[in-house]
Amino acid sequence: MTTLQSVPSLGTHPASGSPRSRAETRERLSKATYDLLVIGGGILGISTAWHAAQSGLRVALVDAGDFAGATSSASSKLLHGGLRYLQTGAVKLVAENHFERRAVSRQVAPHLANPLTFYLPVYKGGPHGAAKLGAGVFAYSALSAFGDGVGHVISPSRAARDVPELRTDGLRAVAVYGDDQMNDARMALMTVRAAVDAGADVLNHAAVTGLRFTRGRVTGAELKDRQDGTEFGVDARLVLNATGPWVDHLRKMEDPAAAPSIRLSKGAHLVLRRTRPWRAALATPIDKYRITFALPWEDMLLLGTTDEEYEGDPADVAVTEKDTAQILDEAAFSVRDQQLSRDLITYSFAGLRVLPGGPGDTSKAKRETVVTEGRGGMLSVAGGKWTTFRHIGRTVMNKLAELPGRPLAEDMEPMARLPRKVPLPGIANPDAVAHRLLAEGGTPGPRMPADTARHLATHYGSLSFDIARLAAEDPALAGRIHPDAPEIWAQVAYARDREWAATADDVLRRRTTLTIRGLATDGIRAGVESMLAEGR
């Protein structure tokens, strides 16, 4: 068990090139007038801030919690074309999703996205037959220009070699297709870094307490720093409400009579220790419209998801016993019982999908992006999906350029003139990064373990070398945070000084994988808090 005494001390001086301190950022935010203030640090707000900064606008981004602290770090961790959309004939949508997926995983963030083979089992009495699913995965791969191979059907015995916990009773065939996987919190954080590199000012843990108005128009916001209680304000020519499940709460600050614009759907997931290695993921049809996933992820197994309407406070969303039972029961269609023991569960999480308002089953609702303008001129954006986060950013920017009176058009570069595939920070071949870390990552200290080198390479890309340098300069930082996880203490220092981590959860849940592995012990949490305090 890690104790406070074993936590390395780093002093109080942040690394050179670090982001501004919270006090410095608050001062900058309160004195400037921005072209665009983005409220909400989920991936929609982050992507918009990134694109707006690229276009030449002066941009500020704030969030009441951490970046990607809610829905954006509670996804199924997939970049995908949307196989189920083929059932509704949405061929163009699937092709567009595939374009965005390929762009992110090949050109924008190959260091953060990993190709993942999916097996879609066909059981006796299941909702779909082998011929239909075989044709479906072939069409799916065709819409991706066969970039992940040709969708096809294999035998149960072949599939069981790659997924040893696959249930084979009644298994007729297995359809095969390809998509991509990511760590959503890391992808969001790298996009924040990209926005800052492009000129945006950002601050997490800063809650909006009110909006500023000038002659009836929303021209900024009043904020409170949740870390020390400091109150300050931000002025902006235009305010964008990208608060996800809280979008209507902020709209009511603008106009108390504003009608609801969205509805929410809860998606719950479970994380379990794996009993054996998995070389493919399972996507098992539950009924005509729903699929349950069993995904190898971060050396663990991710199960989910649920899809049911949610009407409570977004801050209270949590995984219930009903959710857990449903996820395990649905996983049991295709996963053996020994892999589904509750003793293997290390973590559970739930997020809220933001859907357009209206009636109907949430599982059949389209994941559309809705952009609306309020009575005070505040724009609100909600919905969408992770795969198309860059497209959503461009869509919002095009909307800004077309506003009545074109208030920002003359100050921003049109999206059509900007590069479409700007890479995220750290872009590199992760295999090459891991190889170099193994060769020299511990110099002059101990040799870096292979699992740590691989973890750094696939979560930071070339920025891994900054972390390796910290570990080399102070050997205490080269030690593992927990013996059963690949992360090292240098990542905590890096999260504090370079990645806006302000709380233990920021580090343990979103900048490392300690929490999802079930390894965020009280001792480790105390050690992380001690290290964060040194940088304040």
Protein backbone atom coordinates (compact mmCIF):
# COMPACT_ATOMS: atom_id res chain seq x y z
CA MET A 1 0.00 0.00 0.00
CA THR A 2 1.30 3.43 -0.92
CA THR A 3 1.63 5.80 2.04
CA LEU A 4 2.14 9.51 2.27
CA GLN A 5 5.74 8.91 3.34
CA SER A 6 6.49 7.10 0.07
CA VAL A 7 5.16 9.86 -2.15
CA PRO A 8 7.98 11.86 -3.80
CA SER A 9 8.25 15.55 -3.05
CA LEU A 10 8.51 17.84 -6.05
CA GLY A 11 8.88 21.29 -4.58
CA THR A 12 6.58 24.12 -5.59
CA HIS A 13 7.95 25.29 -8.90
CA PRO A 14 5.98 24.11 -11.95
CA ALA A 15 7.83 22.93 -15.03
CA SER A 16 8.85 25.48 -17.61
CA GLY A 17 6.24 25.99 -20.30
CA SER A 18 3.47 25.08 -17.86
CA PRO A 19 -0.04 26.48 -18.15
CA ARG A 20 -0.71 29.63 -16.16
CA SER A 21 -1.66 29.24 -12.51
CA ARG A 22 -5.34 29.41 -11.61
CA ALA A 23 -4.86 32.92 -10.18
CA GLU A 24 -3.07 34.08 -13.33
CA THR A 25 -5.78 32.59 -15.53
CA ARG A 26 -8.57 34.19 -13.50
CA GLU A 27 -6.82 37.55 -13.78
CA ARG A 28 -6.49 37.17 -17.54
CA LEU A 29 -10.10 36.06 -17.93
CA SER A 30 -11.45 38.94 -15.86
CA LYS A 31 -9.51 41.68 -17.70
CA ALA A 32 -10.01 40.68 -21.34
CA THR A 33 -13.01 40.88 -23.64
CA TYR A 34 -13.27 37.66 -25.61
CA ASP A 35 -14.85 37.07 -28.97
CA LEU A 36 -16.28 33.79 -27.68
CA LEU A 37 -16.85 32.44 -24.18
CA VAL A 38 -17.54 28.70 -24.20
CA ILE A 39 -19.28 27.48 -21.06
CA GLY A 40 -18.85 23.73 -20.74
CA GLY A 41 -15.69 21.66 -20.91
CA GLY A 42 -17.12 18.49 -22.39
CA ILE A 43 -15.94 17.43 -25.82
CA LEU A 44 -18.48 19.65 -27.65
CA GLY A 45 -17.30 22.77 -25.87
CA ILE A 46 -13.65 21.75 -26.11
CA SER A 47 -13.88 21.04 -29.85
CA THR A 48 -15.64 24.34 -30.49
CA ALA A 49 -13.02 26.25 -28.49
CA TRP A 50 -10.27 24.50 -30.45
CA HIS A 51 -11.79 25.34 -33.82
CA ALA A 52 -12.65 28.89 -32.77
CA ALA A 53 -9.06 29.51 -31.64
CA GLN A 54 -7.77 28.06 -34.91
CA SER A 55 -10.01 30.49 -36.79
CA GLY A 56 -8.36 33.48 -35.07
CA LEU A 57 -10.99 34.30 -32.47
CA ARG A 58 -10.05 35.18 -28.90
CA VAL A 59 -11.58 32.31 -26.95
CA ALA A 60 -12.19 31.45 -23.30
CA LEU A 61 -13.41 28.06 -22.05
CA VAL A 62 -14.69 27.37 -18.52
CA ASP A 63 -16.29 24.40 -16.80
CA ALA A 64 -17.86 23.96 -13.38
CA GLY A 65 -16.01 20.67 -12.94
CA ASP A 66 -13.05 19.09 -14.65
CA PHE A 67 -12.56 18.94 -18.39
CA ALA A 68 -14.55 15.92 -19.63
CA GLY A 69 -15.58 15.43 -16.03
CA ALA A 70 -19.11 14.21 -16.75
CA THR A 71 -20.62 12.68 -19.90
CA SER A 72 -17.50 13.01 -22.04
CA SER A 73 -15.53 10.60 -19.85
CA ALA A 74 -18.47 8.23 -19.39
CA SER A 75 -18.80 6.93 -22.95
CA SER A 76 -18.30 3.43 -24.36
CA LYS A 77 -14.78 4.57 -25.41
CA LEU A 78 -15.49 3.99 -29.10
CA LEU A 79 -14.84 5.84 -32.32
CA HIS A 80 -17.28 4.11 -34.63
CA GLY A 81 -19.39 4.44 -37.73
CA GLY A 82 -22.60 3.34 -36.03
CA LEU A 83 -23.44 -0.14 -37.28
CA ARG A 84 -26.98 0.02 -35.92
CA TYR A 85 -27.76 3.07 -38.08
CA LEU A 86 -27.72 0.84 -41.16
CA GLN A 87 -30.99 -0.68 -39.94
CA THR A 88 -32.70 2.67 -40.40
CA GLY A 89 -31.19 3.24 -43.83
CA ALA A 90 -28.91 6.05 -42.61
CA VAL A 91 -26.19 5.11 -45.11
CA LYS A 92 -24.90 8.67 -45.54
CA LEU A 93 -24.64 9.14 -41.78
CA VAL A 94 -22.59 5.94 -41.39
CA ALA A 95 -20.26 6.99 -44.22
CA GLU A 96 -19.77 10.43 -42.61
CA ASN A 97 -19.10 8.82 -39.22
CA HIS A 98 -16.53 6.52 -40.80
CA PHE A 99 -14.80 9.50 -42.42
CA GLU A 100 -14.47 11.22 -39.06
CA ARG A 101 -13.42 8.01 -37.32
CA ARG A 102 -10.67 7.37 -39.84
CA ALA A 103 -9.49 10.99 -39.71
CA VAL A 104 -9.13 10.88 -35.91
CA SER A 105 -7.55 7.45 -35.71
CA ARG A 106 -5.21 7.87 -38.70
CA GLN A 107 -4.27 11.56 -39.01
CA VAL A 108 -5.46 13.52 -35.96
CA ALA A 109 -4.73 11.24 -33.00
CA PRO A 110 -3.19 7.90 -33.98
CA HIS A 111 -1.40 7.96 -30.63
CA LEU A 112 -4.71 8.00 -28.76
CA ALA A 113 -6.89 5.69 -30.89
CA ASN A 114 -6.49 1.96 -31.36
CA PRO A 115 -8.04 -0.29 -34.02
CA LEU A 116 -10.37 -2.87 -32.48
CA THR A 117 -11.82 -5.97 -34.12
CA PHE A 118 -15.46 -6.65 -33.26
CA TYR A 119 -17.16 -10.04 -33.19
CA LEU A 120 -20.92 -10.00 -33.57
CA PRO A 121 -22.18 -13.43 -32.44
CA VAL A 122 -25.22 -15.05 -34.05
CA TYR A 123 -27.04 -17.36 -31.65
CA LYS A 124 -29.90 -19.74 -32.25
CA GLY A 125 -33.12 -17.82 -31.68
CA GLY A 126 -31.35 -14.44 -31.76
CA PRO A 127 -32.86 -11.29 -33.30
CA HIS A 128 -30.76 -11.51 -36.47
CA GLY A 129 -29.57 -14.31 -38.73
CA ALA A 130 -26.05 -14.95 -39.99
CA ALA A 131 -26.86 -13.95 -43.56
CA LYS A 132 -28.31 -10.59 -42.50
CA LEU A 133 -25.43 -9.77 -40.17
CA GLY A 134 -22.88 -10.92 -42.71
CA ALA A 135 -24.38 -8.61 -45.30
CA GLY A 136 -24.55 -5.85 -42.72
CA VAL A 137 -20.88 -5.98 -41.73
CA PHE A 138 -19.86 -6.18 -45.40
CA ALA A 139 -21.86 -3.02 -46.15
CA TYR A 140 -20.45 -1.39 -43.03
CA SER A 141 -16.88 -2.06 -44.09
CA ALA A 142 -17.66 -0.90 -47.63
CA LEU A 143 -18.84 2.46 -46.27
CA SER A 144 -15.44 2.72 -44.61
CA ALA A 145 -13.76 2.06 -47.98
CA PHE A 146 -12.61 -1.30 -46.55
CA GLY A 147 -10.02 0.57 -44.49
CA ASP A 148 -10.43 -1.97 -41.68
CA GLY A 149 -10.68 -5.00 -43.92
CA VAL A 150 -13.75 -6.65 -45.41
CA GLY A 151 -16.61 -7.46 -43.07
CA HIS A 152 -17.15 -11.23 -43.09
CA VAL A 153 -18.39 -14.24 -41.13
CA ILE A 154 -16.20 -16.73 -39.24
CA SER A 155 -16.80 -19.97 -37.36
CA PRO A 156 -17.51 -20.10 -33.63
CA SER A 157 -14.29 -22.05 -33.01
CA ARG A 158 -12.19 -19.37 -34.68
CA ALA A 159 -13.85 -16.63 -32.62
CA ALA A 160 -13.38 -18.56 -29.37
CA ARG A 161 -9.60 -18.59 -29.92
CA ASP A 162 -9.55 -14.77 -29.82
CA VAL A 163 -12.22 -14.39 -27.13
CA PRO A 164 -11.74 -17.33 -24.75
CA GLU A 165 -14.70 -16.30 -22.59
CA LEU A 166 -17.11 -16.36 -25.56
CA ARG A 167 -20.21 -18.43 -24.84
CA THR A 168 -20.44 -21.04 -27.60
CA ASP A 169 -23.70 -22.81 -26.64
CA GLY A 170 -26.13 -22.24 -29.50
CA LEU A 171 -23.59 -20.09 -31.38
CA ARG A 172 -24.18 -20.44 -35.12
CA ALA A 173 -21.66 -17.99 -36.59
CA VAL A 174 -19.78 -14.78 -35.85
CA ALA A 175 -19.78 -11.66 -38.05
CA VAL A 176 -16.59 -9.59 -38.02
CA TYR A 177 -16.03 -5.84 -38.51
CA GLY A 178 -13.61 -3.14 -37.40
CA ASP A 179 -13.87 0.16 -35.51
CA ASP A 180 -11.59 2.10 -33.15
CA GLN A 181 -11.24 2.57 -29.41
CA MET A 182 -9.87 5.34 -27.19
CA ASN A 183 -9.54 6.60 -23.66
CA ASP A 184 -12.13 9.37 -23.90
CA ALA A 185 -10.78 11.44 -21.00
CA ARG A 186 -7.29 11.48 -22.50
CA MET A 187 -8.63 12.37 -25.96
CA ALA A 188 -10.61 15.27 -24.48
CA LEU A 189 -7.63 16.51 -22.50
CA MET A 190 -5.37 16.49 -25.55
CA THR A 191 -8.02 18.51 -27.38
CA VAL A 192 -7.96 21.06 -24.53
CA ARG A 193 -4.21 21.26 -25.01
CA ALA A 194 -4.72 21.80 -28.73
CA ALA A 195 -7.15 24.64 -28.00
CA VAL A 196 -4.63 26.26 -25.65
CA ASP A 197 -1.84 25.83 -28.19
CA ALA A 198 -4.10 27.65 -30.66
CA GLY A 199 -4.52 30.55 -28.22
CA ALA A 200 -7.55 29.73 -26.03
CA ASP A 201 -7.63 30.53 -22.29
CA VAL A 202 -9.13 27.71 -20.22
CA LEU A 203 -10.14 27.13 -16.61
CA ASN A 204 -11.76 24.11 -15.02
CA HIS A 205 -13.57 23.99 -11.65
CA ALA A 206 -15.06 27.43 -12.34
CA ALA A 207 -18.84 27.48 -11.97
CA VAL A 208 -21.15 29.98 -13.66
CA THR A 209 -23.23 31.76 -11.04
CA GLY A 210 -24.94 34.16 -13.43
CA LEU A 211 -24.84 35.68 -16.89
CA ARG A 212 -23.84 39.22 -17.81
CA PHE A 213 -26.21 41.26 -19.97
CA THR A 214 -25.75 44.40 -22.04
CA ARG A 215 -28.97 45.91 -23.42
CA GLY A 216 -30.69 42.54 -23.15
CA ARG A 217 -27.88 40.60 -24.81
CA VAL A 218 -25.79 37.99 -23.04
CA THR A 219 -22.25 39.41 -22.96
CA GLY A 220 -20.42 37.26 -20.45
CA ALA A 221 -20.74 35.34 -17.21
CA GLU A 222 -20.15 35.60 -13.47
CA LEU A 223 -18.05 32.75 -12.11
CA LYS A 224 -16.83 31.26 -8.86
CA ASP A 225 -13.59 29.30 -8.57
CA ARG A 226 -14.58 26.11 -6.78
CA GLN A 227 -11.04 25.57 -5.57
CA ASP A 228 -10.71 28.69 -3.40
CA GLY A 229 -14.05 30.49 -3.67
CA THR A 230 -12.74 33.46 -5.68
CA GLU A 231 -15.48 35.24 -7.62
CA PHE A 232 -14.75 36.87 -10.97
CA GLY A 233 -16.36 37.58 -14.33
CA VAL A 234 -15.68 37.17 -18.02
CA ASP A 235 -16.82 39.52 -20.81
CA ALA A 236 -17.44 38.20 -24.32
CA ARG A 237 -19.06 39.32 -27.51
CA LEU A 238 -20.77 35.94 -27.79
CA VAL A 239 -21.46 33.19 -25.27
CA LEU A 240 -21.83 29.51 -26.20
CA ASN A 241 -23.69 27.22 -23.83
CA ALA A 242 -22.13 23.75 -24.23
CA THR A 243 -23.03 22.40 -20.81
CA GLY A 244 -24.43 19.07 -22.00
CA PRO A 245 -27.07 17.74 -19.57
CA TRP A 246 -27.17 21.18 -17.92
CA VAL A 247 -27.87 23.05 -21.17
CA ASP A 248 -31.44 23.96 -20.23
CA HIS A 249 -30.34 25.11 -16.76
CA LEU A 250 -28.11 27.74 -18.37
CA ARG A 251 -30.79 28.62 -20.93
CA LYS A 252 -33.10 29.47 -18.02
CA MET A 253 -30.45 31.85 -16.67
CA GLU A 254 -30.76 33.64 -20.00
CA ASP A 255 -34.56 33.40 -20.18
CA PRO A 256 -36.56 32.04 -17.21
CA ALA A 257 -39.40 31.21 -19.62
CA ALA A 258 -37.24 29.07 -21.92
CA ALA A 259 -38.93 25.77 -22.74
CA PRO A 260 -37.02 22.48 -22.39
CA SER A 261 -34.97 21.72 -25.49
CA ILE A 262 -33.52 18.30 -24.71
CA ARG A 263 -34.17 15.00 -22.98
CA LEU A 264 -31.63 12.77 -21.30
CA SER A 265 -30.81 9.10 -21.62
CA LYS A 266 -28.64 7.32 -19.05
CA GLY A 267 -25.92 4.95 -20.18
CA ALA A 268 -24.28 2.83 -17.47
CA HIS A 269 -21.10 0.74 -17.76
CA LEU A 270 -19.19 -1.76 -15.64
CA VAL A 271 -15.41 -2.31 -15.57
CA LEU A 272 -14.15 -5.77 -14.63
CA ARG A 273 -10.80 -7.50 -14.30
CA ARG A 274 -10.25 -9.90 -17.18
CA THR A 275 -9.84 -13.58 -16.40
CA ARG A 276 -7.97 -14.19 -19.68
CA PRO A 277 -6.65 -12.07 -22.59
CA TRP A 278 -9.13 -10.87 -25.22
CA ARG A 279 -7.97 -10.13 -28.76
CA ALA A 280 -11.36 -8.87 -29.99
CA ALA A 281 -14.49 -7.19 -28.65
CA LEU A 282 -18.02 -8.56 -28.59
CA ALA A 283 -21.04 -6.63 -29.89
CA THR A 284 -24.05 -8.82 -29.10
CA PRO A 285 -27.55 -8.00 -30.41
CA ILE A 286 -30.07 -7.93 -27.57
CA ASP A 287 -33.08 -7.09 -29.71
CA LYS A 288 -33.73 -5.52 -33.10
CA TYR A 289 -32.23 -2.16 -32.10
CA ARG A 290 -29.93 -2.66 -29.11
CA ILE A 291 -26.43 -4.10 -28.83
CA THR A 292 -24.51 -4.85 -25.66
CA PHE A 293 -20.73 -4.47 -25.72
CA ALA A 294 -17.95 -6.43 -24.03
CA LEU A 295 -14.78 -4.49 -24.79
CA PRO A 296 -11.17 -5.16 -23.83
CA TRP A 297 -10.03 -1.74 -22.60
CA GLU A 298 -7.09 -0.55 -20.49
CA ASP A 299 -6.18 -4.18 -19.61
CA MET A 300 -9.72 -4.55 -18.23
CA LEU A 301 -13.14 -5.55 -19.63
CA LEU A 302 -15.76 -2.86 -20.21
CA LEU A 303 -19.42 -3.93 -20.29
CA GLY A 304 -22.45 -1.90 -21.30
CA THR A 305 -24.44 0.01 -21.99
CA THR A 306 -27.93 0.76 -20.76
CA ASP A 307 -30.25 3.22 -22.48
CA GLU A 308 -33.17 4.61 -20.53
CA GLU A 309 -34.74 8.01 -20.09
CA TYR A 310 -33.38 10.03 -17.17
CA GLU A 311 -35.30 12.85 -15.50
CA GLY A 312 -33.32 13.55 -12.33
CA ASP A 313 -30.59 16.03 -11.50
CA PRO A 314 -27.66 15.38 -13.88
CA ALA A 315 -25.28 15.73 -10.94
CA ASP A 316 -26.91 12.69 -9.29
CA VAL A 317 -26.55 10.22 -12.15
CA ALA A 318 -25.09 6.95 -10.89
CA VAL A 319 -25.05 3.23 -11.58
CA THR A 320 -27.83 1.47 -9.68
CA GLU A 321 -28.22 -2.16 -8.69
CA LYS A 322 -30.80 -2.44 -11.48
CA ASP A 323 -28.24 -1.16 -14.00
CA THR A 324 -25.61 -3.61 -12.78
CA ALA A 325 -27.99 -6.56 -12.98
CA GLN A 326 -29.15 -5.55 -16.47
CA ILE A 327 -25.59 -5.16 -17.80
CA LEU A 328 -24.48 -8.52 -16.40
CA ASP A 329 -27.63 -10.28 -17.60
CA GLU A 330 -27.24 -8.89 -21.11
CA ALA A 331 -23.53 -9.68 -21.21
CA ALA A 332 -24.38 -13.28 -20.28
CA PHE A 333 -25.91 -13.76 -23.75
CA SER A 334 -22.37 -14.09 -25.11
CA VAL A 335 -19.90 -14.05 -22.17
CA ARG A 336 -19.20 -17.01 -19.89
CA ASP A 337 -20.31 -16.86 -16.27
CA GLN A 338 -16.80 -16.95 -14.78
CA GLN A 339 -15.97 -13.63 -16.45
CA LEU A 340 -19.16 -12.04 -15.08
CA SER A 341 -18.59 -12.60 -11.37
CA ARG A 342 -19.43 -9.50 -9.35
CA ASP A 343 -16.15 -10.03 -7.51
CA LEU A 344 -14.36 -8.96 -10.70
CA ILE A 345 -16.07 -5.54 -10.88
CA THR A 346 -13.56 -2.77 -10.15
CA TYR A 347 -15.56 0.29 -11.13
CA SER A 348 -18.86 1.44 -12.60
CA PHE A 349 -19.87 4.70 -14.20
CA ALA A 350 -22.88 6.33 -15.83
CA GLY A 351 -23.22 9.19 -18.27
CA LEU A 352 -26.10 11.09 -19.81
CA ARG A 353 -26.73 11.23 -23.54
CA VAL A 354 -28.24 14.53 -24.60
CA LEU A 355 -31.02 13.92 -27.14
CA PRO A 356 -33.34 16.29 -29.00
CA GLY A 357 -36.57 16.85 -27.10
CA GLY A 358 -39.58 14.79 -28.15
CA PRO A 359 -41.38 11.50 -27.60
CA GLY A 360 -40.24 7.97 -28.37
CA ASP A 361 -37.82 5.33 -27.18
CA THR A 362 -34.43 6.85 -26.35
CA SER A 363 -32.62 3.80 -27.77
CA LYS A 364 -34.05 4.63 -31.21
CA ALA A 365 -33.41 8.38 -31.06
CA LYS A 366 -30.85 9.90 -33.40
CA ARG A 367 -27.68 11.29 -31.82
CA GLU A 368 -28.18 14.67 -33.45
CA THR A 369 -26.46 17.93 -32.62
CA VAL A 370 -28.89 20.73 -31.87
CA VAL A 371 -27.82 24.40 -32.05
CA THR A 372 -30.30 27.03 -30.82
CA GLU A 373 -30.17 30.79 -30.20
CA GLY A 374 -31.80 32.21 -27.10
CA ARG A 375 -33.64 35.47 -26.53
CA GLY A 376 -30.47 37.07 -25.22
CA GLY A 377 -28.35 35.92 -28.14
CA MET A 378 -26.66 33.06 -26.32
CA LEU A 379 -26.07 30.03 -28.51
CA SER A 380 -26.70 26.59 -27.03
CA VAL A 381 -25.29 23.39 -28.51
CA ALA A 382 -26.22 19.92 -27.34
CA GLY A 383 -26.16 16.32 -28.48
CA GLY A 384 -23.93 14.62 -30.98
CA LYS A 385 -21.49 11.78 -30.43
CA TRP A 386 -17.81 11.38 -29.66
CA THR A 387 -16.84 10.10 -33.11
CA THR A 388 -17.87 13.34 -34.80
CA PHE A 389 -16.44 15.79 -32.26
CA ARG A 390 -14.36 17.61 -34.88
CA HIS A 391 -17.31 17.87 -37.24
CA ILE A 392 -19.45 19.30 -34.44
CA GLY A 393 -16.82 21.97 -33.74
CA ARG A 394 -16.82 22.98 -37.41
CA THR A 395 -20.63 22.96 -37.51
CA VAL A 396 -20.86 25.35 -34.56
CA MET A 397 -18.24 27.63 -36.11
CA ASN A 398 -20.18 27.77 -39.38
CA LYS A 399 -23.26 28.69 -37.35
CA LEU A 400 -21.33 31.53 -35.68
CA ALA A 401 -20.29 32.88 -39.08
CA GLU A 402 -23.91 32.97 -40.23
CA LEU A 403 -25.46 34.73 -37.22
CA PRO A 404 -27.69 37.72 -38.02
CA GLY A 405 -25.51 40.76 -38.43
CA ARG A 406 -22.48 38.46 -38.74
CA PRO A 407 -20.91 39.80 -35.50
CA LEU A 408 -17.86 37.53 -35.66
CA ALA A 409 -17.59 36.77 -39.37
CA GLU A 410 -15.08 39.51 -40.16
CA ASP A 411 -12.78 38.43 -37.31
CA MET A 412 -12.66 34.70 -38.02
CA GLU A 413 -11.11 32.64 -40.75
CA PRO A 414 -13.81 30.54 -42.47
CA MET A 415 -13.68 26.84 -41.63
CA ALA A 416 -13.33 26.01 -45.32
CA ARG A 417 -9.93 27.74 -45.39
CA LEU A 418 -8.50 25.90 -42.39
CA PRO A 419 -6.81 22.48 -42.50
CA ARG A 420 -9.38 19.75 -41.89
CA LYS A 421 -7.09 17.29 -40.13
CA VAL A 422 -5.05 19.30 -37.63
CA PRO A 423 -3.32 16.77 -35.34
CA LEU A 424 -3.64 16.75 -31.59
CA PRO A 425 -0.54 17.36 -29.43
CA GLY A 426 1.80 14.42 -29.07
CA ILE A 427 1.00 12.89 -32.45
CA ALA A 428 3.42 10.06 -33.10
CA ASN A 429 3.53 6.37 -33.84
CA PRO A 430 2.96 4.85 -30.39
CA ASP A 431 5.04 1.77 -31.25
CA ALA A 432 8.01 4.00 -32.07
CA VAL A 433 7.50 6.04 -28.89
CA ALA A 434 7.33 2.91 -26.74
CA HIS A 435 10.46 1.52 -28.40
CA ARG A 436 12.42 4.71 -27.68
CA LEU A 437 11.14 4.88 -24.09
CA LEU A 438 12.35 1.33 -23.52
CA ALA A 439 15.70 2.17 -25.05
CA GLU A 440 16.37 5.39 -23.19
CA GLY A 441 13.34 6.31 -21.06
CA GLY A 442 15.02 5.56 -17.74
CA THR A 443 18.36 7.20 -18.49
CA PRO A 444 20.15 7.83 -16.16
CA GLY A 445 17.75 6.01 -13.84
CA PRO A 446 16.38 2.46 -13.88
CA ARG A 447 15.13 0.95 -17.12
CA MET A 448 11.45 1.78 -17.76
CA PRO A 449 9.14 -1.26 -17.53
CA ALA A 450 7.58 -2.35 -20.83
CA ASP A 451 4.00 -1.89 -19.63
CA THR A 452 4.74 1.66 -18.45
CA ALA A 453 6.42 2.54 -21.75
CA ARG A 454 3.45 1.21 -23.71
CA HIS A 455 0.96 2.99 -21.47
CA LEU A 456 2.72 6.34 -21.81
CA ALA A 457 3.05 5.96 -25.58
CA THR A 458 -0.66 5.26 -26.08
CA HIS A 459 -1.89 7.99 -23.71
CA TYR A 460 0.55 10.85 -24.36
CA GLY A 461 2.28 10.06 -27.66
CA SER A 462 5.51 12.00 -28.02
CA LEU A 463 4.68 13.99 -24.87
CA SER A 464 5.69 10.80 -23.06
CA PHE A 465 9.28 12.00 -23.30
CA ASP A 466 8.45 14.96 -21.05
CA ILE A 467 7.25 12.51 -18.41
CA ALA A 468 10.29 10.30 -18.92
CA ARG A 469 12.55 13.31 -18.34
CA LEU A 470 10.81 14.04 -15.05
CA ALA A 471 11.37 10.44 -13.99
CA ALA A 472 15.02 10.58 -15.06
CA GLU A 473 15.67 13.82 -13.16
CA ASP A 474 14.05 12.48 -9.97
CA PRO A 475 14.19 8.67 -9.69
CA ALA A 476 11.47 8.76 -7.02
CA LEU A 477 9.05 9.85 -9.75
CA ALA A 478 9.89 6.75 -11.78
CA GLY A 479 8.19 4.54 -9.22
CA ARG A 480 4.78 3.02 -9.87
CA ILE A 481 1.83 4.69 -8.18
CA HIS A 482 0.41 1.20 -7.54
CA PRO A 483 2.25 -2.07 -8.19
CA ASP A 484 -0.65 -3.42 -10.27
CA ALA A 485 -0.90 -0.45 -12.65
CA PRO A 486 1.54 0.90 -15.26
CA GLU A 487 1.33 4.55 -14.17
CA ILE A 488 4.26 6.27 -12.44
CA TRP A 489 4.42 9.24 -10.06
CA ALA A 490 5.86 11.46 -12.78
CA GLN A 491 2.41 11.41 -14.38
CA VAL A 492 0.92 13.02 -11.27
CA ALA A 493 3.49 15.80 -11.41
CA TYR A 494 2.81 16.22 -15.10
CA ALA A 495 -0.97 16.26 -14.57
CA ARG A 496 -0.57 18.96 -11.92
CA ASP A 497 1.86 21.18 -13.81
CA ARG A 498 0.82 20.66 -17.43
CA GLU A 499 -2.72 19.26 -17.51
CA TRP A 500 -4.78 21.43 -15.12
CA ALA A 501 -5.34 18.67 -12.55
CA ALA A 502 -6.67 20.28 -9.37
CA THR A 503 -8.20 17.37 -7.44
CA ALA A 504 -7.32 13.75 -6.75
CA ASP A 505 -10.21 12.62 -8.95
CA ASP A 506 -8.85 14.72 -11.81
CA VAL A 507 -5.69 12.62 -11.62
CA LEU A 508 -6.98 9.21 -10.59
CA ARG A 509 -10.11 9.07 -12.75
CA ARG A 510 -9.25 11.09 -15.87
CA ARG A 511 -5.47 11.55 -16.22
CA THR A 512 -4.61 8.02 -15.14
CA THR A 513 -6.50 4.71 -14.96
CA LEU A 514 -6.08 4.05 -11.23
CA THR A 515 -9.76 4.53 -10.39
CA ILE A 516 -11.17 2.40 -13.19
CA ARG A 517 -8.76 -0.40 -12.18
CA GLY A 518 -10.08 -0.25 -8.62
CA LEU A 519 -6.66 0.81 -7.33
CA ALA A 520 -7.35 4.34 -6.02
CA THR A 521 -6.75 3.40 -2.39
CA ASP A 522 -6.99 5.88 0.46
CA GLY A 523 -3.20 5.93 0.70
CA ILE A 524 -2.75 6.66 -2.99
CA ARG A 525 -5.45 9.33 -2.91
CA ALA A 526 -3.75 11.02 0.02
CA GLY A 527 -0.41 10.86 -1.79
CA VAL A 528 -1.87 12.44 -4.92
CA GLU A 529 -3.53 15.18 -2.86
CA SER A 530 -0.22 15.89 -1.13
CA MET A 531 1.57 16.21 -4.45
CA LEU A 532 -1.14 18.48 -5.87
CA ALA A 533 -0.91 20.70 -2.78
CA GLU A 534 2.81 21.22 -3.38
CA GLY A 535 2.03 22.99 -6.64
CA ARG A 536 -0.52 25.43 -5.26
